[in-house]
Amino acid sequence: MEPTSALFDGAFWITTGAILCLLILSGFFSGSETALTAASRGKLRAQADKGNRGAEKALVITEDNERLIGSVLLGNNMVNILATSLTTALFTRAFGESGVALATLIMTLLVLIFAEVLPKTYAITNAERAAAAVATPIALIIRIFSPLVSAVRILVRGILSLFGVQTDPDSHILAVREEIAGALNLGHSEGVVEKEDRDRILGALDLAERTVEEIMLHRSGIEMVDADLPPREILNQCLESPHTRLPIFKDDPENIIGVMHAKDLLRAMYKLVDGTGAAVDVLDDFDISSVMMKPYFVPDTTSLDDQMRQFLRGRTHFALVVDEYGSLEGLITLEDILEEIVGEITDEFDPDADHPVRKGDEGDYIVDGAMTIRDLNRATDWHLPDDAANTVAGLVIHEAQIIPAVGQVFSFHGFRFEVTGRKDNRVTKLKIRPLS
């Protein structure tokens, strides 16, 4: 009886109690790390705005993830190592040398179940609630361990620098845009997020990274008005055009002198006829320059986000795009930018209301050559590169290094491209299908 009594003395129960407390602390550190890293900052901000101090504190401590994770890992490793050491000492006292292996087995199971899996499962299931609950004690732990964590940071960066690895202390592993894009793509692949919703949000996020050159209507497709035409012909062209704004040029299409709005033209001509009661011949004396607006030029390198802000600020929806030499490249409207977010916008006056990509009978796609690669990727969920060309025709010409003839077939980037239409030097129609 004496050996048993000596074994279960006061020191045994104190050590056992200390091990249990250390396991609880280990579970707290593990769950806190998972909760604070998995919690949505957007949801925490919403809770903080409602007066939740824990959520507000969680937002503060998650601003420096490196310091947060360093402090939590330091505390977690300290309690795990101490708990394992105490257990080993306890089992060695009870079972001799075989107690080391037994202590390792038991502590592995206890730490895995009660200090890792259980708290992390709860934390990831209730991330925001758990983050708000543990934020205050974790903030205190960060403050206590801050000097040691800073020293570890310096040591780690010094060791990495010996191997040529440079770290930026202010950098983030993922930018917010990439985090949102990744979450949307994951949600779409799992069927949670609709394709249209994903495309709209990603389209809005991409505006700052894209330029007007990528989506503008090329100058070859711009309908213009010759200022030297008789007023009746100008009026007739305006009535037959599907556009409400038309650029006006004089002598040379490069020489844009103004922009005419159909409403302004019709109002002015109506006044001439109705105000005097004169015959329609009075239109012959009409001066187009009296109703045209001053042209608005923008450089082709302007981002879509900046251009949309300029449109809204200037209360205009129409701009002419020029290159670095001042030569006309195309035109862009507010509608063009909005289409990058919501998709194609058509009305009863659009002559080409059909979608520029149609699925053929044989599983291939009939694509307009002027369609942008980005729009094609959005419509088909493909991933054709758009760094070398903006349009599908431009991609084919870039890869083929020639202006292909009708009937020529090319294979690149995992797709088969067949040219089915060409006008002058422009590829107008293509038939595309994945090689797989």
Protein backbone atom coordinates (compact mmCIF):
# COMPACT_ATOMS: atom_id res chain seq x y z
CA MET A 1 0.00 0.00 0.00
CA GLU A 2 2.88 2.35 0.66
CA PRO A 3 4.11 2.56 -2.96
CA THR A 4 0.58 3.29 -4.14
CA SER A 5 0.06 5.90 -1.44
CA ALA A 6 3.42 7.47 -2.30
CA LEU A 7 2.47 7.56 -5.97
CA PHE A 8 -0.88 9.31 -5.44
CA ASP A 9 0.44 11.93 -3.07
CA GLY A 10 -0.18 15.67 -3.16
CA ALA A 11 2.47 16.27 -5.84
CA PHE A 12 0.72 13.80 -8.17
CA TRP A 13 -2.61 15.59 -7.96
CA ILE A 14 -1.02 19.02 -8.29
CA THR A 15 0.89 17.88 -11.39
CA THR A 16 -2.24 16.28 -12.86
CA GLY A 17 -4.22 19.46 -12.25
CA ALA A 18 -1.45 21.53 -13.86
CA ILE A 19 -1.47 19.27 -16.95
CA LEU A 20 -5.25 19.64 -17.32
CA CYS A 21 -4.98 23.43 -16.98
CA LEU A 22 -2.21 23.48 -19.59
CA LEU A 23 -4.37 21.41 -21.98
CA ILE A 24 -7.21 23.90 -21.52
CA LEU A 25 -4.79 26.75 -22.27
CA SER A 26 -3.53 24.90 -25.32
CA GLY A 27 -7.10 24.52 -26.57
CA PHE A 28 -7.69 28.21 -25.92
CA PHE A 29 -4.64 29.23 -27.96
CA SER A 30 -5.49 26.86 -30.82
CA GLY A 31 -9.11 27.96 -30.98
CA SER A 32 -8.17 31.64 -30.72
CA GLU A 33 -5.73 31.37 -33.61
CA THR A 34 -8.35 29.71 -35.81
CA ALA A 35 -11.13 32.11 -34.83
CA LEU A 36 -9.10 35.28 -35.33
CA THR A 37 -7.68 34.19 -38.70
CA ALA A 38 -10.94 32.73 -40.04
CA ALA A 39 -13.26 35.51 -38.89
CA SER A 40 -14.57 37.83 -41.60
CA ARG A 41 -13.36 41.38 -41.03
CA GLY A 42 -16.50 42.61 -42.73
CA LYS A 43 -18.74 40.81 -40.23
CA LEU A 44 -16.55 41.94 -37.34
CA ARG A 45 -16.84 45.52 -38.57
CA ALA A 46 -20.64 45.19 -38.70
CA GLN A 47 -20.69 43.88 -35.11
CA ALA A 48 -18.31 46.61 -33.97
CA ASP A 49 -20.56 49.25 -35.50
CA LYS A 50 -23.37 47.86 -33.36
CA GLY A 51 -21.32 48.38 -30.19
CA ASN A 52 -19.64 44.97 -29.77
CA ARG A 53 -16.34 45.83 -28.04
CA GLY A 54 -14.96 42.33 -28.49
CA ALA A 55 -15.40 42.58 -32.27
CA GLU A 56 -13.77 46.01 -32.24
CA LYS A 57 -10.79 44.63 -30.30
CA ALA A 58 -10.57 41.67 -32.73
CA LEU A 59 -10.33 44.10 -35.65
CA VAL A 60 -7.46 45.90 -33.95
CA ILE A 61 -5.35 42.82 -33.15
CA THR A 62 -5.89 41.22 -36.58
CA GLU A 63 -4.39 44.24 -38.34
CA ASP A 64 -0.94 42.80 -37.61
CA ASN A 65 -1.38 39.11 -38.36
CA GLU A 66 2.30 38.35 -38.00
CA ARG A 67 2.43 39.63 -34.42
CA LEU A 68 -0.89 37.95 -33.59
CA ILE A 69 0.09 34.53 -34.90
CA GLY A 70 3.57 34.81 -33.41
CA SER A 71 2.22 35.51 -29.93
CA VAL A 72 -0.43 32.78 -30.10
CA LEU A 73 2.02 30.19 -31.41
CA LEU A 74 4.52 31.13 -28.74
CA GLY A 75 1.93 30.68 -25.98
CA ASN A 76 0.60 27.47 -27.52
CA ASN A 77 4.03 25.87 -27.85
CA MET A 78 5.00 26.87 -24.33
CA VAL A 79 1.97 25.22 -22.72
CA ASN A 80 2.18 22.12 -24.96
CA ILE A 81 5.86 21.56 -24.19
CA LEU A 82 5.33 22.18 -20.48
CA ALA A 83 2.32 19.82 -20.37
CA THR A 84 4.27 17.10 -22.19
CA SER A 85 7.25 17.49 -19.85
CA LEU A 86 5.09 17.24 -16.74
CA THR A 87 3.27 14.19 -18.11
CA THR A 88 6.57 12.49 -18.98
CA ALA A 89 7.90 13.15 -15.48
CA LEU A 90 4.67 11.83 -13.92
CA PHE A 91 4.60 8.64 -15.99
CA THR A 92 8.34 8.01 -15.55
CA ARG A 93 7.83 8.17 -11.81
CA ALA A 94 4.94 5.70 -12.03
CA PHE A 95 6.14 3.28 -14.74
CA GLY A 96 9.86 3.80 -15.03
CA GLU A 97 11.51 4.15 -18.45
CA SER A 98 8.47 2.78 -20.27
CA GLY A 99 6.56 5.79 -19.01
CA VAL A 100 8.19 8.02 -21.70
CA ALA A 101 6.54 6.14 -24.57
CA LEU A 102 3.23 5.96 -22.68
CA ALA A 103 3.33 9.68 -21.92
CA THR A 104 4.04 10.47 -25.59
CA LEU A 105 1.08 8.37 -26.75
CA ILE A 106 -1.38 9.74 -24.22
CA MET A 107 -0.34 13.40 -24.69
CA THR A 108 -0.54 13.07 -28.47
CA LEU A 109 -4.13 11.86 -28.21
CA LEU A 110 -5.10 14.47 -25.59
CA VAL A 111 -3.52 17.38 -27.47
CA LEU A 112 -4.92 16.25 -30.82
CA ILE A 113 -8.50 15.83 -29.59
CA PHE A 114 -8.93 18.38 -26.81
CA ALA A 115 -6.33 21.03 -27.70
CA GLU A 116 -6.49 21.01 -31.52
CA VAL A 117 -9.44 19.39 -33.28
CA LEU A 118 -12.20 20.20 -30.77
CA PRO A 119 -11.42 23.93 -30.19
CA LYS A 120 -10.57 24.57 -33.86
CA THR A 121 -13.77 22.91 -35.05
CA TYR A 122 -15.81 25.12 -32.73
CA ALA A 123 -13.81 28.23 -33.69
CA ILE A 124 -14.19 27.76 -37.43
CA THR A 125 -17.91 27.07 -37.02
CA ASN A 126 -18.48 30.20 -34.92
CA ALA A 127 -15.55 32.30 -36.10
CA GLU A 128 -16.88 35.83 -35.48
CA ARG A 129 -18.46 35.00 -32.10
CA ALA A 130 -15.33 33.19 -30.90
CA ALA A 131 -13.04 35.95 -32.19
CA ALA A 132 -14.97 38.61 -30.29
CA ALA A 133 -14.89 36.47 -27.11
CA VAL A 134 -11.14 35.80 -27.11
CA ALA A 135 -9.98 39.18 -28.43
CA THR A 136 -9.45 40.83 -25.04
CA PRO A 137 -7.31 38.10 -23.38
CA ILE A 138 -5.38 37.57 -26.63
CA ALA A 139 -4.66 41.32 -26.79
CA LEU A 140 -3.14 41.07 -23.30
CA ILE A 141 -1.04 38.05 -24.31
CA ILE A 142 0.18 39.91 -27.41
CA ARG A 143 1.27 42.81 -25.22
CA ILE A 144 3.14 40.48 -22.83
CA PHE A 145 4.87 38.49 -25.57
CA SER A 146 5.48 41.45 -27.86
CA PRO A 147 9.22 41.93 -27.06
CA LEU A 148 9.96 38.22 -27.49
CA VAL A 149 7.91 38.01 -30.71
CA SER A 150 9.74 41.03 -32.12
CA ALA A 151 13.07 39.36 -31.38
CA VAL A 152 11.88 36.17 -33.08
CA ARG A 153 10.79 38.23 -36.11
CA ILE A 154 14.24 39.76 -36.45
CA LEU A 155 15.92 36.37 -36.03
CA VAL A 156 13.67 34.68 -38.63
CA ARG A 157 14.20 37.45 -41.19
CA GLY A 158 17.93 37.33 -40.59
CA ILE A 159 18.02 33.57 -41.21
CA LEU A 160 15.88 33.90 -44.35
CA SER A 161 18.10 36.68 -45.67
CA LEU A 162 21.08 34.30 -45.49
CA PHE A 163 19.28 32.16 -48.08
CA GLY A 164 18.39 35.16 -50.25
CA VAL A 165 14.76 35.37 -49.15
CA GLN A 166 13.59 38.93 -48.55
CA THR A 167 10.40 39.60 -46.57
CA ASP A 168 8.33 42.75 -46.57
CA PRO A 169 7.02 43.43 -43.06
CA ASP A 170 4.18 45.56 -44.45
CA SER A 171 3.06 43.14 -47.16
CA HIS A 172 -0.04 41.01 -47.00
CA ILE A 173 -0.13 37.42 -48.16
CA LEU A 174 -3.26 38.10 -50.23
CA ALA A 175 -4.68 41.40 -51.38
CA VAL A 176 -8.32 42.03 -50.63
CA ARG A 177 -9.22 41.81 -54.30
CA GLU A 178 -7.64 38.36 -54.63
CA GLU A 179 -9.36 37.16 -51.47
CA ILE A 180 -12.75 38.24 -52.82
CA ALA A 181 -12.04 36.78 -56.26
CA GLY A 182 -10.92 33.49 -54.74
CA ALA A 183 -14.00 33.29 -52.52
CA LEU A 184 -16.31 34.02 -55.47
CA ASN A 185 -14.66 31.44 -57.72
CA LEU A 186 -14.78 28.86 -54.94
CA GLY A 187 -18.44 29.65 -54.29
CA HIS A 188 -19.23 29.35 -57.98
CA SER A 189 -17.45 25.99 -58.28
CA GLU A 190 -19.47 24.72 -55.30
CA GLY A 191 -22.74 26.02 -56.73
CA VAL A 192 -23.29 28.61 -54.01
CA VAL A 193 -22.62 31.71 -56.16
CA GLU A 194 -24.32 32.18 -59.53
CA LYS A 195 -22.07 32.84 -62.52
CA GLU A 196 -23.79 36.17 -63.26
CA ASP A 197 -23.29 37.37 -59.68
CA ARG A 198 -19.63 36.37 -59.74
CA ASP A 199 -19.04 38.13 -63.07
CA ARG A 200 -20.71 41.35 -61.91
CA ILE A 201 -18.66 41.62 -58.72
CA LEU A 202 -15.39 40.70 -60.42
CA GLY A 203 -16.21 43.14 -63.22
CA ALA A 204 -16.57 45.97 -60.71
CA LEU A 205 -13.33 44.99 -58.97
CA ASP A 206 -11.43 44.94 -62.28
CA LEU A 207 -12.31 48.50 -63.34
CA ALA A 208 -9.23 49.99 -61.69
CA GLU A 209 -6.92 47.52 -63.47
CA ARG A 210 -8.27 47.98 -67.00
CA THR A 211 -7.91 50.88 -69.43
CA VAL A 212 -10.33 52.50 -71.86
CA GLU A 213 -8.23 51.17 -74.75
CA GLU A 214 -9.37 47.64 -73.91
CA ILE A 215 -13.11 48.24 -74.32
CA MET A 216 -13.40 51.30 -76.58
CA LEU A 217 -15.14 51.18 -79.95
CA HIS A 218 -12.34 51.31 -82.52
CA ARG A 219 -12.34 54.30 -84.84
CA SER A 220 -13.09 52.01 -87.80
CA GLY A 221 -16.52 51.35 -86.27
CA ILE A 222 -17.38 54.95 -85.32
CA GLU A 223 -20.27 56.58 -87.17
CA MET A 224 -19.42 60.23 -87.82
CA VAL A 225 -21.11 63.27 -89.33
CA ASP A 226 -19.41 65.41 -91.95
CA ALA A 227 -19.95 69.06 -90.96
CA ASP A 228 -19.91 70.09 -94.64
CA LEU A 229 -22.97 67.98 -95.52
CA PRO A 230 -26.25 69.79 -96.23
CA PRO A 231 -28.43 70.13 -93.12
CA ARG A 232 -31.11 67.84 -94.58
CA GLU A 233 -28.59 65.04 -95.04
CA ILE A 234 -27.30 65.56 -91.49
CA LEU A 235 -30.86 65.38 -90.18
CA ASN A 236 -31.54 62.25 -92.22
CA GLN A 237 -28.33 60.58 -90.97
CA CYS A 238 -29.27 61.46 -87.40
CA LEU A 239 -32.76 59.97 -87.80
CA GLU A 240 -31.45 56.75 -89.35
CA SER A 241 -28.62 56.28 -86.83
CA PRO A 242 -29.18 54.05 -83.76
CA HIS A 243 -26.94 56.39 -81.74
CA THR A 244 -28.03 59.56 -79.94
CA ARG A 245 -24.55 61.14 -79.96
CA LEU A 246 -22.48 61.45 -83.12
CA PRO A 247 -18.99 62.97 -83.51
CA ILE A 248 -18.74 65.77 -86.10
CA PHE A 249 -15.61 66.14 -88.24
CA LYS A 250 -14.48 68.71 -90.76
CA ASP A 251 -12.35 67.88 -93.82
CA ASP A 252 -10.65 64.90 -92.15
CA PRO A 253 -12.23 62.23 -89.87
CA GLU A 254 -9.27 62.77 -87.53
CA ASN A 255 -10.35 66.40 -87.09
CA ILE A 256 -13.23 66.08 -84.64
CA ILE A 257 -14.72 69.53 -84.04
CA GLY A 258 -17.68 68.59 -81.87
CA VAL A 259 -20.29 66.09 -80.75
CA MET A 260 -23.92 66.34 -81.77
CA HIS A 261 -26.76 65.09 -79.60
CA ALA A 262 -29.84 64.02 -81.53
CA LYS A 263 -32.18 65.84 -79.15
CA ASP A 264 -30.32 69.14 -79.55
CA LEU A 265 -30.43 68.82 -83.33
CA LEU A 266 -34.13 67.98 -83.44
CA ARG A 267 -35.05 70.78 -81.02
CA ALA A 268 -33.15 73.36 -83.07
CA MET A 269 -34.65 72.22 -86.37
CA TYR A 270 -38.14 72.06 -84.90
CA LYS A 271 -37.80 75.67 -83.76
CA LEU A 272 -36.83 76.72 -87.26
CA VAL A 273 -39.86 75.08 -88.83
CA ASP A 274 -42.50 75.55 -86.16
CA GLY A 275 -41.50 78.94 -84.82
CA THR A 276 -41.69 80.76 -88.14
CA GLY A 277 -44.25 78.63 -89.90
CA ALA A 278 -41.91 78.63 -92.89
CA ALA A 279 -41.47 75.82 -95.33
CA VAL A 280 -39.02 72.99 -94.73
CA ASP A 281 -36.62 74.81 -97.07
CA VAL A 282 -35.60 76.91 -94.07
CA LEU A 283 -33.55 73.89 -92.89
CA ASP A 284 -31.10 74.54 -95.70
CA ASP A 285 -29.77 77.56 -93.80
CA PHE A 286 -29.26 75.63 -90.57
CA ASP A 287 -25.74 75.78 -89.06
CA ILE A 288 -24.74 72.50 -87.39
CA SER A 289 -22.08 74.24 -85.28
CA SER A 290 -24.82 76.06 -83.36
CA VAL A 291 -25.98 72.88 -81.61
CA MET A 292 -22.86 70.74 -81.35
CA MET A 293 -21.08 70.28 -78.06
CA LYS A 294 -17.36 70.61 -77.46
CA PRO A 295 -15.61 67.24 -77.96
CA TYR A 296 -14.25 65.51 -74.87
CA PHE A 297 -10.96 63.67 -75.38
CA VAL A 298 -9.36 61.16 -72.99
CA PRO A 299 -6.04 59.28 -73.21
CA ASP A 300 -6.18 55.57 -74.00
CA THR A 301 -4.30 54.74 -70.79
CA THR A 302 -7.05 56.05 -68.47
CA SER A 303 -8.37 53.34 -66.15
CA LEU A 304 -12.04 52.43 -66.42
CA ASP A 305 -12.57 53.33 -62.76
CA ASP A 306 -11.15 56.83 -63.26
CA GLN A 307 -13.06 57.31 -66.51
CA MET A 308 -16.36 56.33 -64.91
CA ARG A 309 -15.75 58.86 -62.13
CA GLN A 310 -14.97 61.53 -64.73
CA PHE A 311 -18.18 60.74 -66.60
CA LEU A 312 -20.24 61.03 -63.43
CA ARG A 313 -18.43 64.16 -62.27
CA GLY A 314 -18.69 65.89 -65.67
CA ARG A 315 -22.29 64.76 -66.26
CA THR A 316 -21.40 63.37 -69.68
CA HIS A 317 -21.53 59.84 -71.08
CA PHE A 318 -19.41 60.13 -74.23
CA ALA A 319 -15.65 60.56 -74.79
CA LEU A 320 -13.25 60.25 -77.72
CA VAL A 321 -10.08 58.24 -77.07
CA VAL A 322 -6.70 59.42 -78.35
CA ASP A 323 -3.23 57.91 -78.18
CA GLU A 324 -0.03 59.56 -76.96
CA TYR A 325 0.34 61.39 -80.28
CA GLY A 326 -3.17 62.82 -80.13
CA SER A 327 -4.48 60.61 -82.93
CA LEU A 328 -8.05 59.35 -82.68
CA GLU A 329 -8.23 55.72 -81.56
CA GLY A 330 -11.90 55.22 -80.76
CA LEU A 331 -14.70 56.26 -78.48
CA ILE A 332 -16.00 55.13 -75.12
CA THR A 333 -19.31 55.68 -73.34
CA LEU A 334 -20.53 55.21 -69.81
CA GLU A 335 -22.63 52.32 -71.11
CA ASP A 336 -19.45 50.54 -72.28
CA ILE A 337 -18.05 50.70 -68.74
CA LEU A 338 -21.30 49.56 -67.15
CA GLU A 339 -21.38 46.59 -69.54
CA GLU A 340 -18.10 45.42 -68.00
CA ILE A 341 -20.05 44.97 -64.76
CA VAL A 342 -23.57 43.91 -65.74
CA GLY A 343 -22.90 42.38 -69.16
CA GLU A 344 -24.22 43.36 -72.58
CA ILE A 345 -26.84 46.12 -72.56
CA THR A 346 -29.08 46.20 -75.64
CA ASP A 347 -32.27 47.98 -76.64
CA GLU A 348 -34.63 48.09 -79.60
CA PHE A 349 -32.30 50.41 -81.52
CA ASP A 350 -29.19 48.25 -81.34
CA PRO A 351 -28.48 46.83 -84.81
CA ASP A 352 -26.42 43.96 -83.42
CA ALA A 353 -28.55 42.91 -80.50
CA ASP A 354 -27.51 39.25 -80.90
CA HIS A 355 -24.76 38.10 -78.59
CA PRO A 356 -21.35 38.16 -80.35
CA VAL A 357 -20.76 34.53 -79.33
CA ARG A 358 -23.11 31.70 -80.32
CA LYS A 359 -22.81 27.99 -79.74
CA GLY A 360 -22.74 25.97 -82.94
CA ASP A 361 -24.36 22.64 -83.70
CA GLU A 362 -21.08 20.74 -83.42
CA GLY A 363 -20.21 22.03 -79.96
CA ASP A 364 -18.00 24.86 -81.19
CA TYR A 365 -18.57 28.59 -80.75
CA ILE A 366 -19.14 31.17 -83.49
CA VAL A 367 -17.40 34.32 -82.25
CA ASP A 368 -17.25 37.89 -83.55
CA GLY A 369 -13.61 38.77 -84.20
CA ALA A 370 -14.02 42.15 -82.51
CA MET A 371 -15.25 40.55 -79.28
CA THR A 372 -12.86 41.14 -76.40
CA ILE A 373 -11.08 38.14 -74.94
CA ARG A 374 -12.34 39.11 -71.50
CA ASP A 375 -15.98 39.04 -72.67
CA LEU A 376 -15.42 35.67 -74.33
CA ASN A 377 -13.89 34.27 -71.14
CA ARG A 378 -16.83 35.58 -69.12
CA ALA A 379 -19.37 34.08 -71.51
CA THR A 380 -17.74 30.65 -71.71
CA ASP A 381 -15.73 30.35 -68.46
CA TRP A 382 -12.56 29.93 -70.52
CA HIS A 383 -9.16 31.32 -69.58
CA LEU A 384 -7.67 32.63 -72.81
CA PRO A 385 -4.82 35.10 -72.12
CA ASP A 386 -5.50 38.78 -72.79
CA ASP A 387 -2.08 40.26 -72.07
CA ALA A 388 -0.94 40.32 -75.73
CA ALA A 389 -4.24 41.30 -77.41
CA ASN A 390 -7.63 42.74 -76.45
CA THR A 391 -9.83 41.03 -79.05
CA VAL A 392 -10.20 37.45 -80.19
CA ALA A 393 -9.10 38.40 -83.72
CA GLY A 394 -6.08 40.18 -82.26
CA LEU A 395 -5.13 37.05 -80.30
CA VAL A 396 -5.25 34.91 -83.45
CA ILE A 397 -3.19 37.42 -85.43
CA HIS A 398 -0.67 37.69 -82.59
CA GLU A 399 -0.24 33.93 -82.29
CA ALA A 400 -0.26 33.25 -86.06
CA GLN A 401 2.03 36.20 -86.83
CA ILE A 402 0.05 36.74 -90.05
CA ILE A 403 -3.34 38.06 -91.08
CA PRO A 404 -5.04 34.71 -91.72
CA ALA A 405 -7.28 33.92 -94.65
CA VAL A 406 -10.75 32.41 -94.46
CA GLY A 407 -10.53 28.68 -93.78
CA GLN A 408 -7.19 28.70 -92.01
CA VAL A 409 -7.06 26.76 -88.74
CA PHE A 410 -4.79 27.33 -85.75
CA SER A 411 -4.33 25.57 -82.43
CA PHE A 412 -2.94 27.31 -79.36
CA HIS A 413 -3.70 27.73 -75.65
CA GLY A 414 -5.69 24.47 -75.76
CA PHE A 415 -8.22 25.69 -78.37
CA ARG A 416 -8.83 25.28 -82.09
CA PHE A 417 -9.42 28.53 -84.00
CA GLU A 418 -10.89 28.50 -87.51
CA VAL A 419 -11.22 31.76 -89.44
CA THR A 420 -14.67 31.89 -91.05
CA GLY A 421 -14.90 35.57 -91.98
CA ARG A 422 -12.55 38.33 -93.09
CA LYS A 423 -13.09 41.85 -94.44
CA ASP A 424 -10.05 43.62 -95.86
CA ASN A 425 -7.39 43.10 -93.18
CA ARG A 426 -9.85 42.43 -90.36
CA VAL A 427 -10.80 38.97 -89.09
CA THR A 428 -14.56 39.27 -88.55
CA LYS A 429 -15.70 35.74 -87.61
CA LEU A 430 -14.09 32.74 -85.98
CA LYS A 431 -15.14 29.24 -85.00
CA ILE A 432 -13.57 28.17 -81.71
CA ARG A 433 -13.69 24.98 -79.70
CA PRO A 434 -11.62 23.50 -76.86
CA LEU A 435 -9.20 20.80 -78.01
CA SER A 436 -10.04 18.68 -74.97
